[in-house]
Amino acid sequence: MSTQRKILPNRRTGETIKLKINGVTVHATANFDPETRRPMEVFIVGPKAGSSMAFILHDAAVVISIALQNGVEPVALAKSIARVPAPTFYDGNNTLPASIIGAVLSWLVRLCDEWGNQNAESK
């Protein structure tokens, strides 16, 4: 079974956030479907251009974007990403993302929750 990939318009709104995890700082940008405000693509930049980490994050962003454009919800992606125990003083979940990729996916889930556009069946 294959889903139809949603083609994005040339111009779309986006939001950028600065994330730091395990000593790595990146900027992640999510661009949205203008009709639903659902995240449809993500870009992750930060490590030195041309470095192995920069290529890994670029490739991960491409895979995440393709999944989003094919109807996969951010929460479905975030559920399978490595997590680590949160400090006892942390006010939130009992775990935190273990990587920048996980942090980006958690951010996308928060964006969907804020706008109420996460599919009910994915929760």
Protein backbone atom coordinates (compact mmCIF):
# COMPACT_ATOMS: atom_id res chain seq x y z
CA MET A 1 0.00 0.00 0.00
CA SER A 2 1.38 3.37 -0.98
CA THR A 3 0.16 6.80 -0.02
CA GLN A 4 0.20 9.80 -2.30
CA ARG A 5 2.99 12.21 -1.43
CA LYS A 6 1.73 15.73 -0.72
CA ILE A 7 3.48 18.20 -3.02
CA LEU A 8 4.20 21.45 -1.21
CA PRO A 9 3.58 24.89 -2.70
CA ASN A 10 6.65 26.94 -3.61
CA ARG A 11 5.91 29.46 -0.84
CA ARG A 12 4.97 28.30 2.66
CA THR A 13 5.21 29.46 6.24
CA GLY A 14 7.81 28.12 8.60
CA GLU A 15 9.14 28.31 12.11
CA THR A 16 12.74 28.01 13.30
CA ILE A 17 14.04 26.96 16.70
CA LYS A 18 17.51 26.69 18.24
CA LEU A 19 18.11 23.32 19.90
CA LYS A 20 21.06 22.16 21.99
CA ILE A 21 21.56 18.59 23.11
CA ASN A 22 24.71 16.77 24.21
CA GLY A 23 26.81 19.82 23.42
CA VAL A 24 25.57 20.11 19.82
CA THR A 25 23.66 23.24 18.83
CA VAL A 26 21.51 23.32 15.69
CA HIS A 27 18.77 25.39 14.13
CA ALA A 28 15.75 23.43 12.92
CA THR A 29 13.15 24.88 10.58
CA ALA A 30 9.74 23.34 10.00
CA ASN A 31 7.66 24.42 7.01
CA PHE A 32 3.91 23.92 7.08
CA ASP A 33 1.07 22.96 4.80
CA PRO A 34 -0.68 26.32 4.32
CA GLU A 35 -4.13 24.69 4.53
CA THR A 36 -3.67 22.57 7.66
CA ARG A 37 -0.63 24.14 9.40
CA ARG A 38 0.72 20.59 9.67
CA PRO A 39 4.55 20.31 9.51
CA MET A 40 5.48 18.96 6.08
CA GLU A 41 9.25 19.41 5.89
CA VAL A 42 12.16 20.04 8.19
CA PHE A 43 15.68 21.40 7.78
CA ILE A 44 18.42 20.90 10.38
CA VAL A 45 21.63 22.97 10.22
CA GLY A 46 24.36 23.81 12.67
CA PRO A 47 27.44 21.63 12.70
CA LYS A 48 30.36 22.70 10.55
CA ALA A 49 29.39 22.62 6.87
CA GLY A 50 30.84 19.56 5.18
CA SER A 51 31.24 17.62 8.43
CA SER A 52 29.92 14.10 8.89
CA MET A 53 27.39 15.38 11.46
CA ALA A 54 26.11 18.03 9.03
CA PHE A 55 25.53 15.33 6.39
CA ILE A 56 23.84 12.99 8.89
CA LEU A 57 21.44 15.73 10.04
CA HIS A 58 20.72 16.78 6.45
CA ASP A 59 19.92 13.20 5.46
CA ALA A 60 17.76 12.67 8.56
CA ALA A 61 15.82 15.85 7.74
CA VAL A 62 15.19 14.57 4.20
CA VAL A 63 13.87 11.24 5.51
CA ILE A 64 11.65 12.99 8.09
CA SER A 65 10.32 15.35 5.40
CA ILE A 66 9.48 12.52 3.02
CA ALA A 67 7.68 10.68 5.83
CA LEU A 68 5.68 13.81 6.74
CA GLN A 69 4.73 14.41 3.11
CA ASN A 70 3.49 10.82 2.89
CA GLY A 71 1.15 11.21 5.85
CA VAL A 72 3.29 9.91 8.71
CA GLU A 73 2.55 11.90 11.86
CA PRO A 74 5.46 13.34 13.89
CA VAL A 75 4.28 11.45 16.99
CA ALA A 76 4.64 8.15 15.11
CA LEU A 77 8.23 9.01 14.22
CA ALA A 78 9.08 10.33 17.70
CA LYS A 79 7.85 7.17 19.45
CA SER A 80 10.65 5.09 17.94
CA ILE A 81 13.56 7.47 18.57
CA ALA A 82 16.05 6.80 21.40
CA ARG A 83 15.28 8.52 24.70
CA VAL A 84 17.18 8.88 27.96
CA PRO A 85 15.92 9.30 31.54
CA ALA A 86 15.10 12.89 32.43
CA PRO A 87 16.69 14.52 35.50
CA THR A 88 14.51 14.28 38.59
CA PHE A 89 13.98 18.07 38.60
CA TYR A 90 12.72 18.05 34.99
CA ASP A 91 9.07 19.08 34.80
CA GLY A 92 7.64 17.01 31.96
CA ASN A 93 7.98 13.51 30.58
CA ASN A 94 10.12 10.92 32.34
CA THR A 95 12.44 10.79 29.32
CA LEU A 96 14.16 13.20 26.95
CA PRO A 97 15.37 12.75 23.36
CA ALA A 98 18.85 11.22 23.22
CA SER A 99 19.83 13.02 19.99
CA ILE A 100 19.29 16.16 17.96
CA ILE A 101 17.05 14.16 15.60
CA GLY A 102 14.88 13.10 18.53
CA ALA A 103 14.75 16.69 19.81
CA VAL A 104 13.57 17.90 16.39
CA LEU A 105 10.85 15.24 16.29
CA SER A 106 9.73 16.13 19.83
CA TRP A 107 9.52 19.78 18.75
CA LEU A 108 7.37 18.80 15.73
CA VAL A 109 5.06 16.84 18.06
CA ARG A 110 4.76 19.91 20.34
CA LEU A 111 3.92 22.10 17.33
CA CYS A 112 1.17 19.69 16.29
CA ASP A 113 -0.18 19.56 19.84
CA GLU A 114 -0.20 23.36 20.07
CA TRP A 115 -2.19 23.69 16.86
CA GLY A 116 -4.40 20.66 17.48
CA ASN A 117 -3.60 19.09 14.11
CA GLN A 118 -2.26 15.71 15.20
CA ASN A 119 -4.45 12.85 14.01
CA ALA A 120 -6.41 11.39 16.93
CA GLU A 121 -5.57 7.83 15.91
CA SER A 122 -1.83 8.59 16.16
CA LYS A 123 -1.98 9.62 19.81
